């Protein structure tokens, strides 16, 4: 379990492994009413990729009192043929009633530091739809730097969508303790 105690500028959250008792939350988080327009796909289940095939996983995001507010996920992505060129790509879904409280920013920064702390990766990245202004603000609040636009990068609901790419590099997090 990881906590965000070292982030005085963001609210306290906890990242923990998912358990069987979290199945209900994970099902709710995958519904169109929670995913919204930015993360709802109409592809058949067999066309969806599993993060587990890409060195990925997920964790539950909780408040300090144990209230479950969402989940974070990550996969590895290569930027070259060698292990040192692997980076992490992260994502988050927060229940609507907990949005706007900076919990997503806190969870994403905590996850980025955790991934850098347990690997040799130099880069954690996240991307979001060009129209998803709240997530853009959350990533910037979490310390991610906006890099640019990946044009036509995501197929969703019958058309291609542009994505804004953000990064968080090891040297930008060097003042934090890696566990």
C-alpha atoms as a PDB file:
ATOM      1  CA  UNK A   1       0.000   0.000   0.000  1.00  0.00           C
ATOM      2  CA  UNK A   2       1.229   3.508  -0.804  1.00  0.00           C
ATOM      3  CA  UNK A   3       0.081   6.789   0.631  1.00  0.00           C
ATOM      4  CA  UNK A   4       0.427  10.397  -0.406  1.00  0.00           C
ATOM      5  CA  UNK A   5       1.774  11.752   2.907  1.00  0.00           C
ATOM      6  CA  UNK A   6       4.672  13.532   1.185  1.00  0.00           C
ATOM      7  CA  UNK A   7       2.396  15.635  -1.021  1.00  0.00           C
ATOM      8  CA  UNK A   8       1.497  18.566   1.200  1.00  0.00           C
ATOM      9  CA  UNK A   9      -0.105  20.445  -1.690  1.00  0.00           C
ATOM     10  CA  UNK A  10      -2.534  17.628  -2.570  1.00  0.00           C
ATOM     11  CA  UNK A  11      -5.118  15.667  -0.578  1.00  0.00           C
ATOM     12  CA  UNK A  12      -4.170  12.409   1.082  1.00  0.00           C
ATOM     13  CA  UNK A  13      -5.007   9.252  -0.870  1.00  0.00           C
ATOM     14  CA  UNK A  14      -3.992   5.628  -0.594  1.00  0.00           C
ATOM     15  CA  UNK A  15      -3.258   3.232  -3.457  1.00  0.00           C
ATOM     16  CA  UNK A  16      -3.847  -0.422  -2.652  1.00  0.00           C
ATOM     17  CA  UNK A  17      -4.125  -3.742  -4.427  1.00  0.00           C
ATOM     18  CA  UNK A  18      -7.610  -4.641  -5.637  1.00  0.00           C
ATOM     19  CA  UNK A  19      -9.393  -7.372  -3.711  1.00  0.00           C
ATOM     20  CA  UNK A  20     -12.410  -9.549  -4.458  1.00  0.00           C
ATOM     21  CA  UNK A  21     -14.533  -7.102  -2.491  1.00  0.00           C
ATOM     22  CA  UNK A  22     -13.661  -4.413  -5.052  1.00  0.00           C
ATOM     23  CA  UNK A  23     -15.403  -6.187  -7.950  1.00  0.00           C
ATOM     24  CA  UNK A  24     -18.494  -4.010  -7.504  1.00  0.00           C
ATOM     25  CA  UNK A  25     -16.441  -0.802  -7.638  1.00  0.00           C
ATOM     26  CA  UNK A  26     -14.494  -1.942 -10.707  1.00  0.00           C
ATOM     27  CA  UNK A  27     -17.751  -2.758 -12.506  1.00  0.00           C
ATOM     28  CA  UNK A  28     -19.158   0.687 -11.669  1.00  0.00           C
ATOM     29  CA  UNK A  29     -15.948   2.383 -12.815  1.00  0.00           C
ATOM     30  CA  UNK A  30     -16.247   0.715 -16.232  1.00  0.00           C
ATOM     31  CA  UNK A  31     -19.802   1.897 -16.941  1.00  0.00           C
ATOM     32  CA  UNK A  32     -20.423   4.643 -19.517  1.00  0.00           C
ATOM     33  CA  UNK A  33     -22.088   6.818 -16.861  1.00  0.00           C
ATOM     34  CA  UNK A  34     -18.793   6.903 -14.928  1.00  0.00           C
ATOM     35  CA  UNK A  35     -16.315   6.699 -17.826  1.00  0.00           C
ATOM     36  CA  UNK A  36     -18.119   9.473 -19.646  1.00  0.00           C
ATOM     37  CA  UNK A  37     -17.408  10.601 -23.159  1.00  0.00           C
ATOM     38  CA  UNK A  38     -13.607  10.454 -22.785  1.00  0.00           C
ATOM     39  CA  UNK A  39     -13.281   6.792 -21.878  1.00  0.00           C
ATOM     40  CA  UNK A  40     -16.311   4.967 -23.260  1.00  0.00           C
ATOM     41  CA  UNK A  41     -15.591   2.505 -26.055  1.00  0.00           C
ATOM     42  CA  UNK A  42     -18.158   0.647 -28.148  1.00  0.00           C
ATOM     43  CA  UNK A  43     -15.803  -2.106 -29.280  1.00  0.00           C
ATOM     44  CA  UNK A  44     -16.746  -5.725 -28.586  1.00  0.00           C
ATOM     45  CA  UNK A  45     -15.028  -7.270 -25.538  1.00  0.00           C
ATOM     46  CA  UNK A  46     -12.687  -9.394 -27.667  1.00  0.00           C
ATOM     47  CA  UNK A  47     -11.333  -6.223 -29.325  1.00  0.00           C
ATOM     48  CA  UNK A  48     -10.296  -4.651 -26.001  1.00  0.00           C
ATOM     49  CA  UNK A  49      -6.662  -4.951 -24.880  1.00  0.00           C
ATOM     50  CA  UNK A  50      -5.698  -6.153 -21.408  1.00  0.00           C
ATOM     51  CA  UNK A  51      -3.060  -4.134 -19.588  1.00  0.00           C
ATOM     52  CA  UNK A  52      -1.720  -7.368 -18.097  1.00  0.00           C
ATOM     53  CA  UNK A  53      -0.242  -8.191 -21.530  1.00  0.00           C
ATOM     54  CA  UNK A  54       1.817  -4.991 -21.342  1.00  0.00           C
ATOM     55  CA  UNK A  55       3.328  -5.317 -17.852  1.00  0.00           C
ATOM     56  CA  UNK A  56       0.388  -3.463 -16.424  1.00  0.00           C
ATOM     57  CA  UNK A  57      -1.910  -3.665 -13.463  1.00  0.00           C
ATOM     58  CA  UNK A  58      -4.236  -1.494 -11.437  1.00  0.00           C
ATOM     59  CA  UNK A  59      -4.840  -0.336  -7.883  1.00  0.00           C
ATOM     60  CA  UNK A  60      -7.760   1.046  -5.949  1.00  0.00           C
ATOM     61  CA  UNK A  61      -7.661   4.704  -4.906  1.00  0.00           C
ATOM     62  CA  UNK A  62      -8.954   5.299  -1.389  1.00  0.00           C
ATOM     63  CA  UNK A  63      -9.291   8.161   1.024  1.00  0.00           C
ATOM     64  CA  UNK A  64      -7.481   7.810   4.368  1.00  0.00           C
ATOM     65  CA  UNK A  65     -10.713   6.533   5.957  1.00  0.00           C
ATOM     66  CA  UNK A  66     -10.936   3.656   3.454  1.00  0.00           C
ATOM     67  CA  UNK A  67     -13.568   5.227   1.198  1.00  0.00           C
ATOM     68  CA  UNK A  68     -12.993   3.909  -2.315  1.00  0.00           C
ATOM     69  CA  UNK A  69     -12.988   6.733  -4.865  1.00  0.00           C
ATOM     70  CA  UNK A  70     -11.564   5.202  -8.045  1.00  0.00           C
ATOM     71  CA  UNK A  71      -8.775   3.223  -9.621  1.00  0.00           C
ATOM     72  CA  UNK A  72      -5.454   3.825 -11.334  1.00  0.00           C
ATOM     73  CA  UNK A  73      -3.851   1.606 -13.970  1.00  0.00           C
ATOM     74  CA  UNK A  74      -0.559   1.378 -15.810  1.00  0.00           C
ATOM     75  CA  UNK A  75       1.185  -0.394 -18.658  1.00  0.00           C
ATOM     76  CA  UNK A  76       4.750  -0.478 -19.945  1.00  0.00           C
ATOM     77  CA  UNK A  77       5.512   1.074 -23.318  1.00  0.00           C
ATOM     78  CA  UNK A  78       8.782   0.825 -25.241  1.00  0.00           C
ATOM     79  CA  UNK A  79      10.687   3.774 -26.667  1.00  0.00           C
ATOM     80  CA  UNK A  80      13.444   1.547 -28.011  1.00  0.00           C
ATOM     81  CA  UNK A  81      14.517  -2.097 -28.214  1.00  0.00           C
ATOM     82  CA  UNK A  82      16.266  -2.154 -24.819  1.00  0.00           C
ATOM     83  CA  UNK A  83      14.918  -2.469 -21.287  1.00  0.00           C
ATOM     84  CA  UNK A  84      16.203   0.968 -20.284  1.00  0.00           C
ATOM     85  CA  UNK A  85      13.878   2.496 -22.892  1.00  0.00           C
ATOM     86  CA  UNK A  86      10.726   1.172 -21.220  1.00  0.00           C
ATOM     87  CA  UNK A  87       8.396   3.816 -19.826  1.00  0.00           C
ATOM     88  CA  UNK A  88       5.098   3.686 -17.969  1.00  0.00           C
ATOM     89  CA  UNK A  89       1.748   4.929 -19.233  1.00  0.00           C
ATOM     90  CA  UNK A  90      -0.894   5.546 -16.580  1.00  0.00           C
ATOM     91  CA  UNK A  91      -4.627   6.126 -16.427  1.00  0.00           C
ATOM     92  CA  UNK A  92      -7.248   6.894 -13.811  1.00  0.00           C
ATOM     93  CA  UNK A  93     -10.996   6.761 -13.271  1.00  0.00           C
ATOM     94  CA  UNK A  94     -12.556   8.608 -10.331  1.00  0.00           C
ATOM     95  CA  UNK A  95     -16.178   8.248  -9.271  1.00  0.00           C
ATOM     96  CA  UNK A  96     -18.129  11.370 -10.303  1.00  0.00           C
ATOM     97  CA  UNK A  97     -19.026  12.382  -6.731  1.00  0.00           C
ATOM     98  CA  UNK A  98     -15.289  12.644  -5.877  1.00  0.00           C
ATOM     99  CA  UNK A  99     -14.159  14.623  -8.916  1.00  0.00           C
ATOM    100  CA  UNK A 100     -12.986  18.209  -8.564  1.00  0.00           C
ATOM    101  CA  UNK A 101     -11.259  17.575  -5.211  1.00  0.00           C
ATOM    102  CA  UNK A 102      -7.718  17.028  -6.593  1.00  0.00           C
ATOM    103  CA  UNK A 103      -7.846  13.338  -5.621  1.00  0.00           C
ATOM    104  CA  UNK A 104      -6.986  12.299  -9.187  1.00  0.00           C
ATOM    105  CA  UNK A 105      -3.933  14.556  -9.224  1.00  0.00           C
ATOM    106  CA  UNK A 106      -2.760  13.129  -5.914  1.00  0.00           C
ATOM    107  CA  UNK A 107      -3.298   9.519  -7.020  1.00  0.00           C
ATOM    108  CA  UNK A 108      -1.512  10.044 -10.344  1.00  0.00           C
ATOM    109  CA  UNK A 109       1.508  11.697  -8.736  1.00  0.00           C
ATOM    110  CA  UNK A 110       1.662   8.954  -6.120  1.00  0.00           C
ATOM    111  CA  UNK A 111       1.454   6.252  -8.800  1.00  0.00           C
ATOM    112  CA  UNK A 112       4.114   7.952 -10.938  1.00  0.00           C
ATOM    113  CA  UNK A 113       6.533   8.117  -8.008  1.00  0.00           C
ATOM    114  CA  UNK A 114       5.768   4.507  -7.085  1.00  0.00           C
ATOM    115  CA  UNK A 115       6.448   3.268 -10.633  1.00  0.00           C
ATOM    116  CA  UNK A 116       9.701   5.232 -10.889  1.00  0.00           C
ATOM    117  CA  UNK A 117      10.728   3.974  -7.465  1.00  0.00           C
ATOM    118  CA  UNK A 118      10.356   0.312  -8.349  1.00  0.00           C
ATOM    119  CA  UNK A 119      11.842   0.370 -11.830  1.00  0.00           C
ATOM    120  CA  UNK A 120      14.683   1.816 -13.859  1.00  0.00           C
ATOM    121  CA  UNK A 121      12.240   3.728 -16.048  1.00  0.00           C
ATOM    122  CA  UNK A 122      12.976   7.391 -16.599  1.00  0.00           C
ATOM    123  CA  UNK A 123       9.490   8.325 -17.801  1.00  0.00           C
ATOM    124  CA  UNK A 124       5.868   8.052 -16.734  1.00  0.00           C
ATOM    125  CA  UNK A 125       3.372   9.381 -19.212  1.00  0.00           C
ATOM    126  CA  UNK A 126      -0.346   9.932 -19.372  1.00  0.00           C
ATOM    127  CA  UNK A 127      -2.564  11.083 -22.163  1.00  0.00           C
ATOM    128  CA  UNK A 128      -6.085  12.400 -22.282  1.00  0.00           C
ATOM    129  CA  UNK A 129      -8.606  13.525 -24.826  1.00  0.00           C
ATOM    130  CA  UNK A 130      -8.000  16.995 -26.176  1.00  0.00           C
ATOM    131  CA  UNK A 131     -11.393  18.046 -24.791  1.00  0.00           C
ATOM    132  CA  UNK A 132     -10.922  16.619 -21.292  1.00  0.00           C
ATOM    133  CA  UNK A 133      -9.912  19.864 -19.572  1.00  0.00           C
ATOM    134  CA  UNK A 134     -10.385  18.574 -15.974  1.00  0.00           C
ATOM    135  CA  UNK A 135      -7.909  15.726 -16.550  1.00  0.00           C
ATOM    136  CA  UNK A 136      -5.446  18.076 -18.229  1.00  0.00           C
ATOM    137  CA  UNK A 137      -5.551  20.286 -15.132  1.00  0.00           C
ATOM    138  CA  UNK A 138      -5.203  17.249 -12.841  1.00  0.00           C
ATOM    139  CA  UNK A 139      -2.089  16.041 -14.660  1.00  0.00           C
ATOM    140  CA  UNK A 140      -0.507  19.480 -14.506  1.00  0.00           C
ATOM    141  CA  UNK A 141      -1.380  19.753 -10.804  1.00  0.00           C
ATOM    142  CA  UNK A 142       0.259  16.335 -10.318  1.00  0.00           C
ATOM    143  CA  UNK A 143       3.518  17.661 -11.775  1.00  0.00           C
ATOM    144  CA  UNK A 144       3.234  16.278 -15.304  1.00  0.00           C
ATOM    145  CA  UNK A 145       4.462  18.407 -18.215  1.00  0.00           C
ATOM    146  CA  UNK A 146       2.364  18.835 -21.323  1.00  0.00           C
ATOM    147  CA  UNK A 147       4.353  17.641 -24.331  1.00  0.00           C
ATOM    148  CA  UNK A 148       2.058  17.888 -27.295  1.00  0.00           C
ATOM    149  CA  UNK A 149      -0.759  16.331 -29.252  1.00  0.00           C
ATOM    150  CA  UNK A 150      -0.829  12.773 -30.548  1.00  0.00           C
ATOM    151  CA  UNK A 151      -3.068  13.319 -33.558  1.00  0.00           C
ATOM    152  CA  UNK A 152      -5.652  10.675 -34.379  1.00  0.00           C
ATOM    153  CA  UNK A 153      -4.199   8.339 -31.732  1.00  0.00           C
ATOM    154  CA  UNK A 154      -7.318   6.790 -30.205  1.00  0.00           C
ATOM    155  CA  UNK A 155     -10.201   4.991 -31.901  1.00  0.00           C
ATOM    156  CA  UNK A 156     -13.323   5.566 -29.853  1.00  0.00           C
ATOM    157  CA  UNK A 157     -17.023   5.419 -30.722  1.00  0.00           C
ATOM    158  CA  UNK A 158     -16.480   5.165 -34.451  1.00  0.00           C
ATOM    159  CA  UNK A 159     -13.899   7.891 -35.000  1.00  0.00           C
ATOM    160  CA  UNK A 160     -10.305   8.883 -34.355  1.00  0.00           C
ATOM    161  CA  UNK A 161      -9.547  11.239 -31.468  1.00  0.00           C
ATOM    162  CA  UNK A 162      -6.555  13.440 -30.696  1.00  0.00           C
ATOM    163  CA  UNK A 163      -4.806  12.925 -27.352  1.00  0.00           C
ATOM    164  CA  UNK A 164      -2.714  15.354 -25.323  1.00  0.00           C
ATOM    165  CA  UNK A 165       0.448  13.675 -24.008  1.00  0.00           C
ATOM    166  CA  UNK A 166       1.951  14.502 -20.595  1.00  0.00           C
ATOM    167  CA  UNK A 167       5.159  13.233 -18.985  1.00  0.00           C
ATOM    168  CA  UNK A 168       6.714  13.016 -15.545  1.00  0.00           C
ATOM    169  CA  UNK A 169      10.457  12.301 -15.595  1.00  0.00           C
ATOM    170  CA  UNK A 170      12.684  10.792 -12.944  1.00  0.00           C
ATOM    171  CA  UNK A 171      14.762  13.974 -12.536  1.00  0.00           C
ATOM    172  CA  UNK A 172      11.567  15.972 -12.013  1.00  0.00           C
ATOM    173  CA  UNK A 173      10.736  13.720  -9.095  1.00  0.00           C
ATOM    174  CA  UNK A 174      14.269  13.534  -7.677  1.00  0.00           C
ATOM    175  CA  UNK A 175      13.357  15.481  -4.544  1.00  0.00           C
ATOM    176  CA  UNK A 176      10.908  12.740  -3.540  1.00  0.00           C
ATOM    177  CA  UNK A 177      11.873   9.586  -1.697  1.00  0.00           C
ATOM    178  CA  UNK A 178      11.475   6.445  -3.764  1.00  0.00           C
ATOM    179  CA  UNK A 179      10.434   3.457  -1.739  1.00  0.00           C
END
